[in-house]
Amino acid sequence: MRRTVSPYVTMAVASFAGWAALAVESFLTPPPRDYRDALVLVPWTLYAVVVAGAHRIQRERTGALATAGLAGTLAGMAVSAAGNLGVLLGNDAMVAVAFPVGPGLFSLGLLLFGVATVRAGVLPRYAGVALALSQPMAIAIGLALSWHVPVHPHGSYTGALGHGLAVLALAAGLATARLPDGRQGIHSAGRP
């Protein structure tokens, strides 16, 4: 089976850049903006692809816990994305269903996936820990910056930097991963 790590590293760095840009833009212009609910779908989707890629790379060593975590993470991300679309379309029913179900599934899924990642030993421990703490970091950063940017359920993404840091840690972990077949990191990407 061919393993390709490098594209996941690239997507993770792009996701980080998107999260960081949203956080900075939200900080510089504090009132919530609906267009941010559309823009966030770019780093959000990249994050989902990178987490699925991390699962693919380490699945021989992670077991059912990672599979359950991945399922919860991706389901939570899909439900949350539907909520963002609801905001953009003015559909309150979509928004009501998305919260708290989406963030709850996402948080629980990343916690399980992060624990499984640490246990697997394919990626460095910090990558699994960062994934497990992605949502708590986003909440903590959002609260820490609430003196300038009030916490709002949508349209404000200062806390997004927490997700950006988690996906950046995942990028670094993927670049140095000890792949199950003995190869290491992106230097061996694509080799059978």
C-alpha atoms as a PDB file:
ATOM      1  CA  MET A   1       0.000   0.000   0.000  1.00  0.00           C
ATOM      2  CA  ARG A   2       1.351   3.386  -0.953  1.00  0.00           C
ATOM      3  CA  ARG A   3       1.597   5.987   1.768  1.00  0.00           C
ATOM      4  CA  THR A   4       1.590   9.648   0.845  1.00  0.00           C
ATOM      5  CA  VAL A   5       2.336  11.956   3.750  1.00  0.00           C
ATOM      6  CA  SER A   6       3.541  15.113   1.983  1.00  0.00           C
ATOM      7  CA  PRO A   7       0.131  16.294   0.642  1.00  0.00           C
ATOM      8  CA  TYR A   8      -1.311  16.035   4.155  1.00  0.00           C
ATOM      9  CA  VAL A   9       1.502  18.189   5.528  1.00  0.00           C
ATOM     10  CA  THR A  10       0.833  20.774   2.821  1.00  0.00           C
ATOM     11  CA  MET A  11      -2.922  20.752   3.513  1.00  0.00           C
ATOM     12  CA  ALA A  12      -2.284  21.034   7.266  1.00  0.00           C
ATOM     13  CA  VAL A  13      -0.073  24.090   6.772  1.00  0.00           C
ATOM     14  CA  ALA A  14      -2.710  25.628   4.480  1.00  0.00           C
ATOM     15  CA  SER A  15      -5.374  24.904   7.102  1.00  0.00           C
ATOM     16  CA  PHE A  16      -3.220  26.579   9.766  1.00  0.00           C
ATOM     17  CA  ALA A  17      -2.806  29.630   7.530  1.00  0.00           C
ATOM     18  CA  GLY A  18      -6.589  29.829   7.063  1.00  0.00           C
ATOM     19  CA  TRP A  19      -7.292  29.507  10.790  1.00  0.00           C
ATOM     20  CA  ALA A  20      -4.636  32.113  11.624  1.00  0.00           C
ATOM     21  CA  ALA A  21      -5.959  34.543   9.003  1.00  0.00           C
ATOM     22  CA  LEU A  22      -9.508  34.201  10.352  1.00  0.00           C
ATOM     23  CA  ALA A  23      -8.296  34.734  13.915  1.00  0.00           C
ATOM     24  CA  VAL A  24      -6.302  37.835  13.004  1.00  0.00           C
ATOM     25  CA  GLU A  25      -9.080  39.271  10.839  1.00  0.00           C
ATOM     26  CA  SER A  26     -11.633  38.647  13.609  1.00  0.00           C
ATOM     27  CA  PHE A  27      -9.348  40.389  16.096  1.00  0.00           C
ATOM     28  CA  LEU A  28      -8.753  43.396  13.845  1.00  0.00           C
ATOM     29  CA  THR A  29     -12.454  43.842  13.016  1.00  0.00           C
ATOM     30  CA  PRO A  30     -14.271  42.507  16.093  1.00  0.00           C
ATOM     31  CA  PRO A  31     -17.948  42.599  15.156  1.00  0.00           C
ATOM     32  CA  PRO A  32     -19.153  39.183  13.904  1.00  0.00           C
ATOM     33  CA  ARG A  33     -19.388  38.901  10.129  1.00  0.00           C
ATOM     34  CA  ASP A  34     -21.416  36.315   8.243  1.00  0.00           C
ATOM     35  CA  TYR A  35     -18.829  36.036   5.448  1.00  0.00           C
ATOM     36  CA  ARG A  36     -16.439  34.501   7.996  1.00  0.00           C
ATOM     37  CA  ASP A  37     -18.902  31.635   8.379  1.00  0.00           C
ATOM     38  CA  ALA A  38     -18.297  30.886   4.697  1.00  0.00           C
ATOM     39  CA  LEU A  39     -14.529  31.422   4.795  1.00  0.00           C
ATOM     40  CA  VAL A  40     -14.072  29.122   7.798  1.00  0.00           C
ATOM     41  CA  LEU A  41     -15.243  26.206   5.688  1.00  0.00           C
ATOM     42  CA  VAL A  42     -11.906  26.249   3.827  1.00  0.00           C
ATOM     43  CA  PRO A  43      -9.562  25.547   6.787  1.00  0.00           C
ATOM     44  CA  TRP A  44     -12.305  23.415   8.350  1.00  0.00           C
ATOM     45  CA  THR A  45     -12.470  21.134   5.304  1.00  0.00           C
ATOM     46  CA  LEU A  46      -8.684  20.953   5.053  1.00  0.00           C
ATOM     47  CA  TYR A  47      -8.550  20.019   8.739  1.00  0.00           C
ATOM     48  CA  ALA A  48     -11.006  17.177   8.107  1.00  0.00           C
ATOM     49  CA  VAL A  49      -8.950  15.860   5.188  1.00  0.00           C
ATOM     50  CA  VAL A  50      -5.731  16.016   7.227  1.00  0.00           C
ATOM     51  CA  VAL A  51      -7.265  14.155  10.180  1.00  0.00           C
ATOM     52  CA  ALA A  52      -8.590  11.502   7.781  1.00  0.00           C
ATOM     53  CA  GLY A  53      -5.107  11.314   6.228  1.00  0.00           C
ATOM     54  CA  ALA A  54      -3.507  10.900   9.648  1.00  0.00           C
ATOM     55  CA  HIS A  55      -5.912   8.036  10.278  1.00  0.00           C
ATOM     56  CA  ARG A  56      -4.983   6.449   6.959  1.00  0.00           C
ATOM     57  CA  ILE A  57      -1.275   6.677   7.739  1.00  0.00           C
ATOM     58  CA  GLN A  58      -1.489   5.178  11.217  1.00  0.00           C
ATOM     59  CA  ARG A  59      -4.583   2.951  11.021  1.00  0.00           C
ATOM     60  CA  GLU A  60      -2.579  -0.266  11.233  1.00  0.00           C
ATOM     61  CA  ARG A  61      -1.607   0.740  14.772  1.00  0.00           C
ATOM     62  CA  THR A  62      -4.600   2.680  16.114  1.00  0.00           C
ATOM     63  CA  GLY A  63      -7.538   0.263  16.164  1.00  0.00           C
ATOM     64  CA  ALA A  64     -11.191   0.869  16.928  1.00  0.00           C
ATOM     65  CA  LEU A  65     -10.605   3.879  19.191  1.00  0.00           C
ATOM     66  CA  ALA A  66      -9.167   5.917  16.307  1.00  0.00           C
ATOM     67  CA  THR A  67     -11.895   4.745  13.935  1.00  0.00           C
ATOM     68  CA  ALA A  68     -14.572   5.839  16.426  1.00  0.00           C
ATOM     69  CA  GLY A  69     -12.720   9.106  16.991  1.00  0.00           C
ATOM     70  CA  LEU A  70     -12.437   9.771  13.283  1.00  0.00           C
ATOM     71  CA  ALA A  71     -16.135   9.021  12.772  1.00  0.00           C
ATOM     72  CA  GLY A  72     -17.101  11.387  15.602  1.00  0.00           C
ATOM     73  CA  THR A  73     -14.747  14.090  14.373  1.00  0.00           C
ATOM     74  CA  LEU A  74     -15.956  13.977  10.784  1.00  0.00           C
ATOM     75  CA  ALA A  75     -19.622  13.739  11.800  1.00  0.00           C
ATOM     76  CA  GLY A  76     -19.185  16.716  14.114  1.00  0.00           C
ATOM     77  CA  MET A  77     -17.449  18.661  11.387  1.00  0.00           C
ATOM     78  CA  ALA A  78     -20.232  17.894   8.900  1.00  0.00           C
ATOM     79  CA  VAL A  79     -22.964  18.918  11.352  1.00  0.00           C
ATOM     80  CA  SER A  80     -21.069  22.105  12.245  1.00  0.00           C
ATOM     81  CA  ALA A  81     -20.576  22.934   8.569  1.00  0.00           C
ATOM     82  CA  ALA A  82     -24.323  22.485   8.048  1.00  0.00           C
ATOM     83  CA  GLY A  83     -24.864  24.980  10.873  1.00  0.00           C
ATOM     84  CA  ASN A  84     -22.572  27.474   9.154  1.00  0.00           C
ATOM     85  CA  LEU A  85     -24.525  27.020   5.946  1.00  0.00           C
ATOM     86  CA  GLY A  86     -27.693  27.595   7.973  1.00  0.00           C
ATOM     87  CA  VAL A  87     -26.283  30.917   9.179  1.00  0.00           C
ATOM     88  CA  LEU A  88     -25.449  31.911   5.610  1.00  0.00           C
ATOM     89  CA  LEU A  89     -28.878  30.857   4.315  1.00  0.00           C
ATOM     90  CA  GLY A  90     -30.787  32.322   7.252  1.00  0.00           C
ATOM     91  CA  ASN A  91     -32.122  28.865   8.174  1.00  0.00           C
ATOM     92  CA  ASP A  92     -32.521  28.866  11.966  1.00  0.00           C
ATOM     93  CA  ALA A  93     -33.461  25.168  12.025  1.00  0.00           C
ATOM     94  CA  MET A  94     -30.085  24.194  10.547  1.00  0.00           C
ATOM     95  CA  VAL A  95     -28.309  26.395  13.084  1.00  0.00           C
ATOM     96  CA  ALA A  96     -30.305  24.946  16.000  1.00  0.00           C
ATOM     97  CA  VAL A  97     -29.461  21.365  15.007  1.00  0.00           C
ATOM     98  CA  ALA A  98     -25.774  22.160  14.496  1.00  0.00           C
ATOM     99  CA  PHE A  99     -25.171  23.426  18.016  1.00  0.00           C
ATOM    100  CA  PRO A 100     -24.303  21.786  20.380  1.00  0.00           C
ATOM    101  CA  VAL A 101     -24.328  18.498  18.430  1.00  0.00           C
ATOM    102  CA  GLY A 102     -21.607  19.454  15.923  1.00  0.00           C
ATOM    103  CA  PRO A 103     -19.038  20.869  18.359  1.00  0.00           C
ATOM    104  CA  GLY A 104     -19.813  18.102  20.859  1.00  0.00           C
ATOM    105  CA  LEU A 105     -19.164  15.308  18.370  1.00  0.00           C
ATOM    106  CA  PHE A 106     -16.123  17.118  17.011  1.00  0.00           C
ATOM    107  CA  SER A 107     -14.624  17.582  20.492  1.00  0.00           C
ATOM    108  CA  LEU A 108     -15.281  14.013  21.609  1.00  0.00           C
ATOM    109  CA  GLY A 109     -14.071  12.602  18.299  1.00  0.00           C
ATOM    110  CA  LEU A 110     -10.799  14.547  18.416  1.00  0.00           C
ATOM    111  CA  LEU A 111     -10.269  13.540  22.033  1.00  0.00           C
ATOM    112  CA  LEU A 112     -10.615   9.844  21.132  1.00  0.00           C
ATOM    113  CA  PHE A 113      -8.545  10.217  17.972  1.00  0.00           C
ATOM    114  CA  GLY A 114      -5.852  12.129  19.841  1.00  0.00           C
ATOM    115  CA  VAL A 115      -5.601   9.434  22.519  1.00  0.00           C
ATOM    116  CA  ALA A 116      -5.410   6.733  19.846  1.00  0.00           C
ATOM    117  CA  THR A 117      -2.715   8.728  18.039  1.00  0.00           C
ATOM    118  CA  VAL A 118      -0.605   8.984  21.193  1.00  0.00           C
ATOM    119  CA  ARG A 119      -1.004   5.246  21.840  1.00  0.00           C
ATOM    120  CA  ALA A 120      -0.125   4.263  18.257  1.00  0.00           C
ATOM    121  CA  GLY A 121       3.320   5.853  18.364  1.00  0.00           C
ATOM    122  CA  VAL A 122       3.373   6.551  14.621  1.00  0.00           C
ATOM    123  CA  LEU A 123       3.154  10.319  15.065  1.00  0.00           C
ATOM    124  CA  PRO A 124       4.945  12.171  17.850  1.00  0.00           C
ATOM    125  CA  ARG A 125       2.944  12.374  21.086  1.00  0.00           C
ATOM    126  CA  TYR A 126       2.522  16.136  20.788  1.00  0.00           C
ATOM    127  CA  ALA A 127       0.462  15.664  17.612  1.00  0.00           C
ATOM    128  CA  GLY A 128      -2.060  13.457  19.414  1.00  0.00           C
ATOM    129  CA  VAL A 129      -2.173  15.766  22.425  1.00  0.00           C
ATOM    130  CA  ALA A 130      -2.722  18.803  20.191  1.00  0.00           C
ATOM    131  CA  LEU A 131      -5.592  17.052  18.401  1.00  0.00           C
ATOM    132  CA  ALA A 132      -7.206  16.066  21.683  1.00  0.00           C
ATOM    133  CA  LEU A 133      -6.952  19.668  22.896  1.00  0.00           C
ATOM    134  CA  SER A 134      -7.944  21.406  19.646  1.00  0.00           C
ATOM    135  CA  GLN A 135     -11.420  22.496  20.756  1.00  0.00           C
ATOM    136  CA  PRO A 136     -10.399  23.361  24.348  1.00  0.00           C
ATOM    137  CA  MET A 137      -7.541  25.486  22.941  1.00  0.00           C
ATOM    138  CA  ALA A 138      -9.956  27.266  20.591  1.00  0.00           C
ATOM    139  CA  ILE A 139     -12.330  27.982  23.475  1.00  0.00           C
ATOM    140  CA  ALA A 140      -9.509  29.160  25.754  1.00  0.00           C
ATOM    141  CA  ILE A 141      -8.063  31.507  23.120  1.00  0.00           C
ATOM    142  CA  GLY A 142     -11.508  32.884  22.302  1.00  0.00           C
ATOM    143  CA  LEU A 143     -12.177  33.541  25.981  1.00  0.00           C
ATOM    144  CA  ALA A 144      -8.709  35.035  26.528  1.00  0.00           C
ATOM    145  CA  LEU A 145      -9.317  37.501  23.701  1.00  0.00           C
ATOM    146  CA  SER A 146     -12.914  38.264  24.680  1.00  0.00           C
ATOM    147  CA  TRP A 147     -11.744  41.524  26.287  1.00  0.00           C
ATOM    148  CA  HIS A 148     -11.440  42.815  22.714  1.00  0.00           C
ATOM    149  CA  VAL A 149     -13.619  40.461  20.666  1.00  0.00           C
ATOM    150  CA  PRO A 150     -16.766  39.400  22.512  1.00  0.00           C
ATOM    151  CA  VAL A 151     -17.598  35.704  22.297  1.00  0.00           C
ATOM    152  CA  HIS A 152     -20.295  35.143  19.682  1.00  0.00           C
ATOM    153  CA  PRO A 153     -21.820  31.893  18.371  1.00  0.00           C
ATOM    154  CA  HIS A 154     -20.917  32.669  14.757  1.00  0.00           C
ATOM    155  CA  GLY A 155     -19.046  35.123  12.591  1.00  0.00           C
ATOM    156  CA  SER A 156     -16.158  35.628  15.006  1.00  0.00           C
ATOM    157  CA  TYR A 157     -13.147  33.324  14.952  1.00  0.00           C
ATOM    158  CA  THR A 158     -10.396  34.567  17.262  1.00  0.00           C
ATOM    159  CA  GLY A 159     -10.418  31.162  18.948  1.00  0.00           C
ATOM    160  CA  ALA A 160      -9.785  29.534  15.577  1.00  0.00           C
ATOM    161  CA  LEU A 161      -6.111  29.944  16.313  1.00  0.00           C
ATOM    162  CA  GLY A 162      -6.481  26.930  18.658  1.00  0.00           C
ATOM    163  CA  HIS A 163      -7.514  24.726  15.742  1.00  0.00           C
ATOM    164  CA  GLY A 164      -4.726  26.239  13.677  1.00  0.00           C
ATOM    165  CA  LEU A 165      -2.132  25.343  16.296  1.00  0.00           C
ATOM    166  CA  ALA A 166      -3.490  21.793  16.531  1.00  0.00           C
ATOM    167  CA  VAL A 167      -3.362  21.233  12.778  1.00  0.00           C
ATOM    168  CA  LEU A 168       0.114  22.805  12.623  1.00  0.00           C
ATOM    169  CA  ALA A 169       1.293  20.341  15.298  1.00  0.00           C
ATOM    170  CA  LEU A 170      -0.257  17.581  13.209  1.00  0.00           C
ATOM    171  CA  ALA A 171       1.674  18.841  10.152  1.00  0.00           C
ATOM    172  CA  ALA A 172       4.937  18.683  12.093  1.00  0.00           C
ATOM    173  CA  GLY A 173       4.021  15.233  13.365  1.00  0.00           C
ATOM    174  CA  LEU A 174       3.197  13.960   9.902  1.00  0.00           C
ATOM    175  CA  ALA A 175       6.479  15.318   8.554  1.00  0.00           C
ATOM    176  CA  THR A 176       8.405  13.256  11.124  1.00  0.00           C
ATOM    177  CA  ALA A 177       6.070  10.254  11.453  1.00  0.00           C
ATOM    178  CA  ARG A 178       7.473   6.791  12.035  1.00  0.00           C
ATOM    179  CA  LEU A 179       5.439   4.920   9.461  1.00  0.00           C
ATOM    180  CA  PRO A 180       4.468   1.321  10.312  1.00  0.00           C
ATOM    181  CA  ASP A 181       6.637  -0.072   7.514  1.00  0.00           C
ATOM    182  CA  GLY A 182       9.759   1.527   9.005  1.00  0.00           C
ATOM    183  CA  ARG A 183       9.956   4.577   6.758  1.00  0.00           C
ATOM    184  CA  GLN A 184      10.036   8.006   8.318  1.00  0.00           C
ATOM    185  CA  GLY A 185       8.225  11.236   7.450  1.00  0.00           C
ATOM    186  CA  ILE A 186       7.680  12.941   4.133  1.00  0.00           C
ATOM    187  CA  HIS A 187      11.068  11.920   2.744  1.00  0.00           C
ATOM    188  CA  SER A 188       9.708   8.439   2.061  1.00  0.00           C
ATOM    189  CA  ALA A 189       6.286   9.547   0.857  1.00  0.00           C
ATOM    190  CA  GLY A 190       4.856   7.631  -2.037  1.00  0.00           C
ATOM    191  CA  ARG A 191       7.263   4.717  -1.841  1.00  0.00           C
ATOM    192  CA  PRO A 192       5.716   1.228  -1.637  1.00  0.00           C
END
